Amino acid sequence: MSVIKENSEVLMHFSIKLSDGSVADSTQAMGKPAKFRMGDGSLTDNFEKCLLGLQQGQTNSFELAPEDAFGQSDPDNIHHIELSKFGADVPAEVGTIVAFAGPDGQDIPGVITQIFGDSVTVDFNHPLAGQRVTFDVEVVTIEN
């Protein structure tokens, strides 16, 4: 039976649950498991430690602190943008997710959190930053 090791390529289903039990994200809902390679930097070290040793077909559940999941909310990722930068095609409305072009040309999503006068506050932190989350995982396949 295959087990997850340090450089394994893993295909797994997962659900992310918030502290109130609500599901924030689920590959089951999307109908497509996630694929990644252990040690490639896409997961935090503590997340990977929770996966090491799991077998193909095994399910597990573990809770991660904010710094081990999506990080703490960083005040440097909250920006104030002039209301005039928004238009009819991208209206400024609280709760709207807007994509902004980053320095490398990639889109960076931000959530509009406040509009005050001519200033729009946009939070570029991950929506789950600062939250303790529970991951329910099901290992589909492992390639070592």
N, C-alpha and C. Protein backbone atom coordinates (compact mmCIF):
# COMPACT_ATOMS: atom_id res chain seq x y z
N MET A 1 0.86 -1.19 0.00
CA MET A 1 0.00 0.00 0.00
C MET A 1 0.89 1.24 0.00
N SER A 2 0.61 2.17 -0.87
CA SER A 2 1.39 3.41 -0.94
C SER A 2 1.09 4.32 0.24
N VAL A 3 2.14 4.97 0.74
CA VAL A 3 1.98 5.96 1.80
C VAL A 3 2.61 7.27 1.35
N ILE A 4 2.11 8.38 1.89
CA ILE A 4 2.63 9.69 1.54
C ILE A 4 4.00 9.88 2.18
N LYS A 5 4.98 10.21 1.33
CA LYS A 5 6.35 10.48 1.78
C LYS A 5 6.70 11.92 1.40
N GLU A 6 7.94 12.31 1.69
CA GLU A 6 8.36 13.71 1.51
C GLU A 6 8.25 14.23 0.08
N ASN A 7 8.45 13.41 -0.94
CA ASN A 7 8.37 13.89 -2.32
C ASN A 7 7.23 13.27 -3.11
N SER A 8 6.26 12.68 -2.43
CA SER A 8 5.15 12.02 -3.11
C SER A 8 4.29 13.01 -3.89
N GLU A 9 3.77 12.53 -5.02
CA GLU A 9 2.74 13.28 -5.73
C GLU A 9 1.41 12.72 -5.24
N VAL A 10 0.54 13.60 -4.77
CA VAL A 10 -0.68 13.16 -4.10
C VAL A 10 -1.90 13.73 -4.82
N LEU A 11 -2.89 12.89 -4.97
CA LEU A 11 -4.20 13.30 -5.47
C LEU A 11 -5.16 13.04 -4.32
N MET A 12 -5.83 14.10 -3.84
CA MET A 12 -6.73 13.93 -2.70
C MET A 12 -7.91 14.87 -2.78
N HIS A 13 -8.98 14.43 -2.13
CA HIS A 13 -10.13 15.29 -1.91
C HIS A 13 -9.96 15.93 -0.55
N PHE A 14 -10.44 17.15 -0.41
CA PHE A 14 -10.40 17.80 0.89
C PHE A 14 -11.59 18.73 1.05
N SER A 15 -11.94 18.95 2.32
CA SER A 15 -12.91 19.97 2.70
C SER A 15 -12.26 20.84 3.74
N ILE A 16 -12.52 22.14 3.67
CA ILE A 16 -12.02 23.08 4.67
C ILE A 16 -13.23 23.55 5.46
N LYS A 17 -13.17 23.29 6.78
CA LYS A 17 -14.27 23.70 7.65
C LYS A 17 -13.81 24.81 8.59
N LEU A 18 -14.68 25.78 8.80
CA LEU A 18 -14.39 26.87 9.73
C LEU A 18 -14.75 26.43 11.15
N SER A 19 -14.39 27.26 12.12
CA SER A 19 -14.63 26.89 13.53
C SER A 19 -16.11 26.71 13.85
N ASP A 20 -17.00 27.31 13.07
CA ASP A 20 -18.44 27.13 13.30
C ASP A 20 -19.00 25.88 12.60
N GLY A 21 -18.12 25.12 11.92
CA GLY A 21 -18.52 23.90 11.25
C GLY A 21 -18.94 24.07 9.81
N SER A 22 -19.06 25.32 9.35
CA SER A 22 -19.45 25.54 7.95
C SER A 22 -18.28 25.19 7.01
N VAL A 23 -18.62 24.75 5.81
CA VAL A 23 -17.62 24.35 4.83
C VAL A 23 -17.27 25.55 3.95
N ALA A 24 -15.98 25.93 3.97
CA ALA A 24 -15.52 27.08 3.19
C ALA A 24 -15.13 26.68 1.77
N ASP A 25 -14.64 25.44 1.61
CA ASP A 25 -14.21 24.97 0.30
C ASP A 25 -14.23 23.44 0.32
N SER A 26 -14.48 22.84 -0.83
CA SER A 26 -14.50 21.39 -0.91
C SER A 26 -14.24 20.94 -2.34
N THR A 27 -13.27 20.04 -2.51
CA THR A 27 -13.03 19.49 -3.84
C THR A 27 -14.15 18.53 -4.23
N GLN A 28 -14.81 17.94 -3.23
CA GLN A 28 -15.96 17.06 -3.51
C GLN A 28 -17.06 17.85 -4.21
N ALA A 29 -17.30 19.07 -3.73
CA ALA A 29 -18.35 19.92 -4.33
C ALA A 29 -17.99 20.28 -5.76
N MET A 30 -16.67 20.44 -6.02
CA MET A 30 -16.22 20.77 -7.38
C MET A 30 -16.14 19.53 -8.26
N GLY A 31 -16.14 18.34 -7.63
CA GLY A 31 -16.08 17.09 -8.38
C GLY A 31 -14.70 16.75 -8.91
N LYS A 32 -13.65 17.41 -8.39
CA LYS A 32 -12.31 17.16 -8.90
C LYS A 32 -11.31 17.24 -7.75
N PRO A 33 -10.58 16.14 -7.48
CA PRO A 33 -9.60 16.18 -6.39
C PRO A 33 -8.42 17.10 -6.72
N ALA A 34 -7.69 17.50 -5.67
CA ALA A 34 -6.52 18.36 -5.83
C ALA A 34 -5.28 17.50 -6.02
N LYS A 35 -4.36 17.98 -6.85
CA LYS A 35 -3.11 17.27 -7.10
C LYS A 35 -1.95 18.18 -6.74
N PHE A 36 -0.98 17.66 -6.00
CA PHE A 36 0.19 18.44 -5.60
C PHE A 36 1.34 17.50 -5.30
N ARG A 37 2.53 18.07 -5.21
CA ARG A 37 3.72 17.31 -4.82
C ARG A 37 4.18 17.78 -3.45
N MET A 38 4.37 16.84 -2.55
CA MET A 38 4.88 17.15 -1.21
C MET A 38 6.23 17.85 -1.35
N GLY A 39 6.44 18.90 -0.57
CA GLY A 39 7.70 19.61 -0.58
C GLY A 39 7.84 20.67 -1.66
N ASP A 40 6.77 20.89 -2.46
CA ASP A 40 6.88 21.89 -3.53
C ASP A 40 6.58 23.32 -3.07
N GLY A 41 6.24 23.47 -1.79
CA GLY A 41 5.98 24.80 -1.25
C GLY A 41 4.54 25.25 -1.36
N SER A 42 3.67 24.43 -1.95
CA SER A 42 2.27 24.84 -2.09
C SER A 42 1.49 24.66 -0.78
N LEU A 43 2.03 23.84 0.15
CA LEU A 43 1.39 23.63 1.45
C LEU A 43 2.36 24.04 2.55
N THR A 44 1.84 24.42 3.70
CA THR A 44 2.71 24.78 4.81
C THR A 44 3.37 23.50 5.36
N ASP A 45 4.48 23.69 6.08
CA ASP A 45 5.20 22.55 6.65
C ASP A 45 4.31 21.72 7.57
N ASN A 46 3.55 22.39 8.44
CA ASN A 46 2.70 21.65 9.38
C ASN A 46 1.56 20.92 8.68
N PHE A 47 1.05 21.49 7.59
CA PHE A 47 0.02 20.80 6.81
C PHE A 47 0.63 19.52 6.25
N GLU A 48 1.83 19.61 5.66
CA GLU A 48 2.48 18.43 5.10
C GLU A 48 2.76 17.38 6.17
N LYS A 49 3.18 17.82 7.37
CA LYS A 49 3.44 16.87 8.46
C LYS A 49 2.19 16.08 8.80
N CYS A 50 1.01 16.70 8.68
CA CYS A 50 -0.25 16.01 8.96
C CYS A 50 -0.56 14.95 7.90
N LEU A 51 -0.01 15.13 6.69
CA LEU A 51 -0.28 14.21 5.60
C LEU A 51 0.71 13.04 5.54
N LEU A 52 1.93 13.26 6.03
CA LEU A 52 2.96 12.22 5.96
C LEU A 52 2.48 10.93 6.61
N GLY A 53 2.68 9.82 5.91
CA GLY A 53 2.31 8.52 6.45
C GLY A 53 0.90 8.07 6.14
N LEU A 54 0.06 8.98 5.63
CA LEU A 54 -1.30 8.56 5.25
C LEU A 54 -1.22 7.61 4.06
N GLN A 55 -2.13 6.65 4.01
CA GLN A 55 -2.15 5.67 2.95
C GLN A 55 -3.20 5.99 1.91
N GLN A 56 -2.97 5.45 0.72
CA GLN A 56 -3.96 5.59 -0.35
C GLN A 56 -5.30 5.04 0.13
N GLY A 57 -6.37 5.81 -0.06
CA GLY A 57 -7.71 5.43 0.36
C GLY A 57 -8.05 5.85 1.78
N GLN A 58 -7.05 6.32 2.54
CA GLN A 58 -7.28 6.71 3.93
C GLN A 58 -7.91 8.09 4.01
N THR A 59 -8.74 8.29 5.04
CA THR A 59 -9.31 9.60 5.34
C THR A 59 -8.75 10.05 6.68
N ASN A 60 -8.67 11.35 6.86
CA ASN A 60 -8.18 11.90 8.12
C ASN A 60 -8.75 13.31 8.28
N SER A 61 -8.74 13.79 9.50
CA SER A 61 -9.20 15.13 9.80
C SER A 61 -8.21 15.75 10.77
N PHE A 62 -7.82 16.99 10.51
CA PHE A 62 -6.90 17.68 11.41
C PHE A 62 -7.17 19.18 11.38
N GLU A 63 -6.90 19.79 12.52
CA GLU A 63 -7.13 21.22 12.69
C GLU A 63 -5.80 21.96 12.59
N LEU A 64 -5.81 23.10 11.89
CA LEU A 64 -4.61 23.90 11.74
C LEU A 64 -4.85 25.32 12.25
N ALA A 65 -3.85 25.83 12.96
CA ALA A 65 -3.87 27.22 13.40
C ALA A 65 -3.70 28.11 12.18
N PRO A 66 -4.07 29.39 12.26
CA PRO A 66 -3.97 30.29 11.11
C PRO A 66 -2.59 30.29 10.44
N GLU A 67 -1.52 30.32 11.24
CA GLU A 67 -0.17 30.38 10.66
C GLU A 67 0.21 29.10 9.93
N ASP A 68 -0.49 27.99 10.19
CA ASP A 68 -0.21 26.73 9.53
C ASP A 68 -1.16 26.47 8.36
N ALA A 69 -2.13 27.35 8.16
CA ALA A 69 -3.10 27.16 7.09
C ALA A 69 -2.97 28.30 6.06
N PHE A 70 -3.67 29.40 6.27
CA PHE A 70 -3.68 30.50 5.30
C PHE A 70 -2.99 31.75 5.81
N GLY A 71 -2.30 31.63 6.94
CA GLY A 71 -1.55 32.74 7.50
C GLY A 71 -2.43 33.69 8.31
N GLN A 72 -1.75 34.58 8.99
CA GLN A 72 -2.44 35.64 9.72
C GLN A 72 -2.80 36.76 8.75
N SER A 73 -3.78 37.54 9.08
CA SER A 73 -4.14 38.70 8.27
C SER A 73 -3.02 39.73 8.40
N ASP A 74 -2.52 40.22 7.28
CA ASP A 74 -1.41 41.16 7.25
C ASP A 74 -1.94 42.55 6.91
N PRO A 75 -1.78 43.52 7.83
CA PRO A 75 -2.28 44.88 7.55
C PRO A 75 -1.66 45.51 6.31
N ASP A 76 -0.47 45.05 5.93
CA ASP A 76 0.18 45.58 4.72
C ASP A 76 -0.52 45.13 3.44
N ASN A 77 -1.41 44.14 3.56
CA ASN A 77 -2.17 43.67 2.40
C ASN A 77 -3.52 44.34 2.27
N ILE A 78 -3.76 45.37 3.08
CA ILE A 78 -5.00 46.14 3.00
C ILE A 78 -4.65 47.50 2.40
N HIS A 79 -5.27 47.82 1.28
CA HIS A 79 -4.93 49.04 0.56
C HIS A 79 -6.16 49.93 0.38
N HIS A 80 -5.88 51.22 0.26
CA HIS A 80 -6.93 52.22 0.03
C HIS A 80 -6.75 52.74 -1.39
N ILE A 81 -7.80 52.62 -2.19
CA ILE A 81 -7.76 52.98 -3.60
C ILE A 81 -8.82 54.03 -3.86
N GLU A 82 -8.48 54.98 -4.73
CA GLU A 82 -9.44 56.05 -5.06
C GLU A 82 -10.68 55.47 -5.73
N LEU A 83 -11.83 55.95 -5.31
CA LEU A 83 -13.10 55.51 -5.87
C LEU A 83 -13.15 55.74 -7.38
N SER A 84 -12.47 56.76 -7.86
CA SER A 84 -12.47 57.08 -9.30
C SER A 84 -11.82 55.97 -10.13
N LYS A 85 -11.06 55.08 -9.51
CA LYS A 85 -10.41 53.97 -10.23
C LYS A 85 -11.43 52.88 -10.61
N PHE A 86 -12.62 52.95 -10.02
CA PHE A 86 -13.66 51.97 -10.30
C PHE A 86 -14.65 52.60 -11.27
N GLY A 87 -15.30 51.77 -12.07
CA GLY A 87 -16.25 52.29 -13.05
C GLY A 87 -17.46 51.40 -13.17
N ALA A 88 -18.23 51.60 -14.24
CA ALA A 88 -19.46 50.83 -14.45
C ALA A 88 -19.15 49.35 -14.66
N ASP A 89 -18.01 49.04 -15.31
CA ASP A 89 -17.68 47.64 -15.58
C ASP A 89 -17.22 46.91 -14.31
N VAL A 90 -16.62 47.66 -13.36
CA VAL A 90 -16.19 47.10 -12.07
C VAL A 90 -16.64 48.07 -10.98
N PRO A 91 -17.90 47.96 -10.55
CA PRO A 91 -18.39 48.89 -9.53
C PRO A 91 -17.78 48.60 -8.16
N ALA A 92 -17.64 49.64 -7.37
CA ALA A 92 -17.13 49.49 -6.01
C ALA A 92 -18.30 49.19 -5.08
N GLU A 93 -18.39 47.94 -4.67
CA GLU A 93 -19.44 47.52 -3.74
C GLU A 93 -18.81 46.63 -2.67
N VAL A 94 -19.15 46.88 -1.42
CA VAL A 94 -18.61 46.09 -0.32
C VAL A 94 -18.93 44.62 -0.52
N GLY A 95 -17.92 43.77 -0.36
CA GLY A 95 -18.08 42.33 -0.53
C GLY A 95 -17.69 41.82 -1.90
N THR A 96 -17.53 42.73 -2.87
CA THR A 96 -17.17 42.34 -4.21
C THR A 96 -15.69 41.94 -4.26
N ILE A 97 -15.40 40.86 -4.98
CA ILE A 97 -14.01 40.45 -5.21
C ILE A 97 -13.60 41.03 -6.56
N VAL A 98 -12.50 41.78 -6.53
CA VAL A 98 -12.01 42.45 -7.73
C VAL A 98 -10.61 41.95 -8.03
N ALA A 99 -10.30 41.69 -9.28
CA ALA A 99 -8.96 41.27 -9.68
C ALA A 99 -8.16 42.49 -10.12
N PHE A 100 -6.99 42.64 -9.52
CA PHE A 100 -6.08 43.73 -9.87
C PHE A 100 -4.83 43.11 -10.47
N ALA A 101 -4.22 43.80 -11.43
CA ALA A 101 -2.99 43.31 -12.05
C ALA A 101 -1.83 43.53 -11.08
N GLY A 102 -1.11 42.46 -10.79
CA GLY A 102 0.06 42.54 -9.92
C GLY A 102 1.29 42.95 -10.69
N PRO A 103 2.41 43.16 -10.01
CA PRO A 103 3.64 43.60 -10.67
C PRO A 103 4.14 42.59 -11.71
N ASP A 104 3.82 41.31 -11.53
CA ASP A 104 4.27 40.30 -12.49
C ASP A 104 3.24 40.04 -13.59
N GLY A 105 2.17 40.83 -13.61
CA GLY A 105 1.14 40.68 -14.63
C GLY A 105 0.03 39.71 -14.24
N GLN A 106 0.23 38.97 -13.15
CA GLN A 106 -0.79 38.03 -12.69
C GLN A 106 -1.91 38.80 -11.97
N ASP A 107 -3.13 38.28 -12.07
CA ASP A 107 -4.24 38.90 -11.35
C ASP A 107 -4.14 38.58 -9.87
N ILE A 108 -4.38 39.60 -9.04
CA ILE A 108 -4.39 39.44 -7.59
C ILE A 108 -5.80 39.80 -7.12
N PRO A 109 -6.52 38.82 -6.52
CA PRO A 109 -7.87 39.13 -6.07
C PRO A 109 -7.86 39.91 -4.76
N GLY A 110 -8.75 40.87 -4.66
CA GLY A 110 -8.93 41.65 -3.44
C GLY A 110 -10.41 41.79 -3.15
N VAL A 111 -10.76 41.84 -1.88
CA VAL A 111 -12.16 41.98 -1.47
C VAL A 111 -12.38 43.42 -1.00
N ILE A 112 -13.40 44.07 -1.55
CA ILE A 112 -13.75 45.42 -1.11
C ILE A 112 -14.42 45.30 0.25
N THR A 113 -13.79 45.91 1.26
CA THR A 113 -14.31 45.78 2.63
C THR A 113 -14.98 47.05 3.14
N GLN A 114 -14.67 48.21 2.52
CA GLN A 114 -15.26 49.46 2.99
C GLN A 114 -15.17 50.52 1.90
N ILE A 115 -16.19 51.37 1.86
CA ILE A 115 -16.17 52.55 0.99
C ILE A 115 -16.48 53.74 1.89
N PHE A 116 -15.55 54.68 1.91
CA PHE A 116 -15.72 55.85 2.76
C PHE A 116 -15.33 57.08 1.95
N GLY A 117 -16.32 57.88 1.59
CA GLY A 117 -16.05 59.06 0.77
C GLY A 117 -15.50 58.64 -0.58
N ASP A 118 -14.30 59.14 -0.93
CA ASP A 118 -13.67 58.81 -2.21
C ASP A 118 -12.64 57.69 -2.08
N SER A 119 -12.66 56.99 -0.94
CA SER A 119 -11.67 55.94 -0.68
C SER A 119 -12.34 54.57 -0.59
N VAL A 120 -11.75 53.59 -1.28
CA VAL A 120 -12.23 52.22 -1.26
C VAL A 120 -11.15 51.36 -0.59
N THR A 121 -11.54 50.64 0.46
CA THR A 121 -10.60 49.76 1.15
C THR A 121 -10.69 48.37 0.53
N VAL A 122 -9.51 47.87 0.10
CA VAL A 122 -9.45 46.55 -0.54
C VAL A 122 -8.49 45.68 0.26
N ASP A 123 -8.97 44.49 0.66
CA ASP A 123 -8.18 43.54 1.44
C ASP A 123 -7.66 42.46 0.50
N PHE A 124 -6.31 42.38 0.38
CA PHE A 124 -5.68 41.39 -0.48
C PHE A 124 -5.24 40.14 0.29
N ASN A 125 -5.58 40.05 1.57
CA ASN A 125 -5.28 38.84 2.33
C ASN A 125 -6.16 37.70 1.83
N HIS A 126 -5.71 36.47 2.04
CA HIS A 126 -6.55 35.32 1.70
C HIS A 126 -7.83 35.42 2.53
N PRO A 127 -8.99 35.12 1.97
CA PRO A 127 -10.25 35.24 2.72
C PRO A 127 -10.27 34.42 4.02
N LEU A 128 -9.45 33.38 4.12
CA LEU A 128 -9.42 32.56 5.33
C LEU A 128 -8.23 32.90 6.24
N ALA A 129 -7.51 33.97 5.90
CA ALA A 129 -6.37 34.37 6.74
C ALA A 129 -6.87 34.70 8.15
N GLY A 130 -6.08 34.28 9.14
CA GLY A 130 -6.40 34.56 10.53
C GLY A 130 -7.39 33.60 11.15
N GLN A 131 -7.83 32.59 10.39
CA GLN A 131 -8.83 31.66 10.93
C GLN A 131 -8.25 30.28 11.17
N ARG A 132 -8.67 29.66 12.27
CA ARG A 132 -8.35 28.27 12.56
C ARG A 132 -9.30 27.43 11.71
N VAL A 133 -8.76 26.45 10.98
CA VAL A 133 -9.58 25.65 10.07
C VAL A 133 -9.33 24.16 10.31
N THR A 134 -10.32 23.36 9.93
CA THR A 134 -10.21 21.91 9.98
C THR A 134 -10.22 21.39 8.56
N PHE A 135 -9.26 20.54 8.25
CA PHE A 135 -9.19 19.89 6.94
C PHE A 135 -9.65 18.45 7.09
N ASP A 136 -10.60 18.06 6.27
CA ASP A 136 -10.99 16.66 6.14
C ASP A 136 -10.40 16.21 4.81
N VAL A 137 -9.53 15.19 4.84
CA VAL A 137 -8.87 14.75 3.61
C VAL A 137 -9.18 13.30 3.32
N GLU A 138 -9.20 12.97 2.02
CA GLU A 138 -9.32 11.60 1.55
C GLU A 138 -8.26 11.42 0.48
N VAL A 139 -7.29 10.54 0.76
CA VAL A 139 -6.19 10.31 -0.17
C VAL A 139 -6.69 9.40 -1.30
N VAL A 140 -6.65 9.92 -2.53
CA VAL A 140 -7.15 9.16 -3.68
C VAL A 140 -6.03 8.29 -4.27
N THR A 141 -4.92 8.93 -4.65
CA THR A 141 -3.76 8.19 -5.16
C THR A 141 -2.47 8.82 -4.67
N ILE A 142 -1.42 8.00 -4.63
CA ILE A 142 -0.09 8.46 -4.22
C ILE A 142 0.91 7.88 -5.24
N GLU A 143 1.78 8.76 -5.75
CA GLU A 143 2.88 8.30 -6.60
C GLU A 143 4.17 8.69 -5.93
N ASN A 144 5.02 7.72 -5.62
CA ASN A 144 6.30 8.00 -4.94
C ASN A 144 7.46 8.07 -5.91
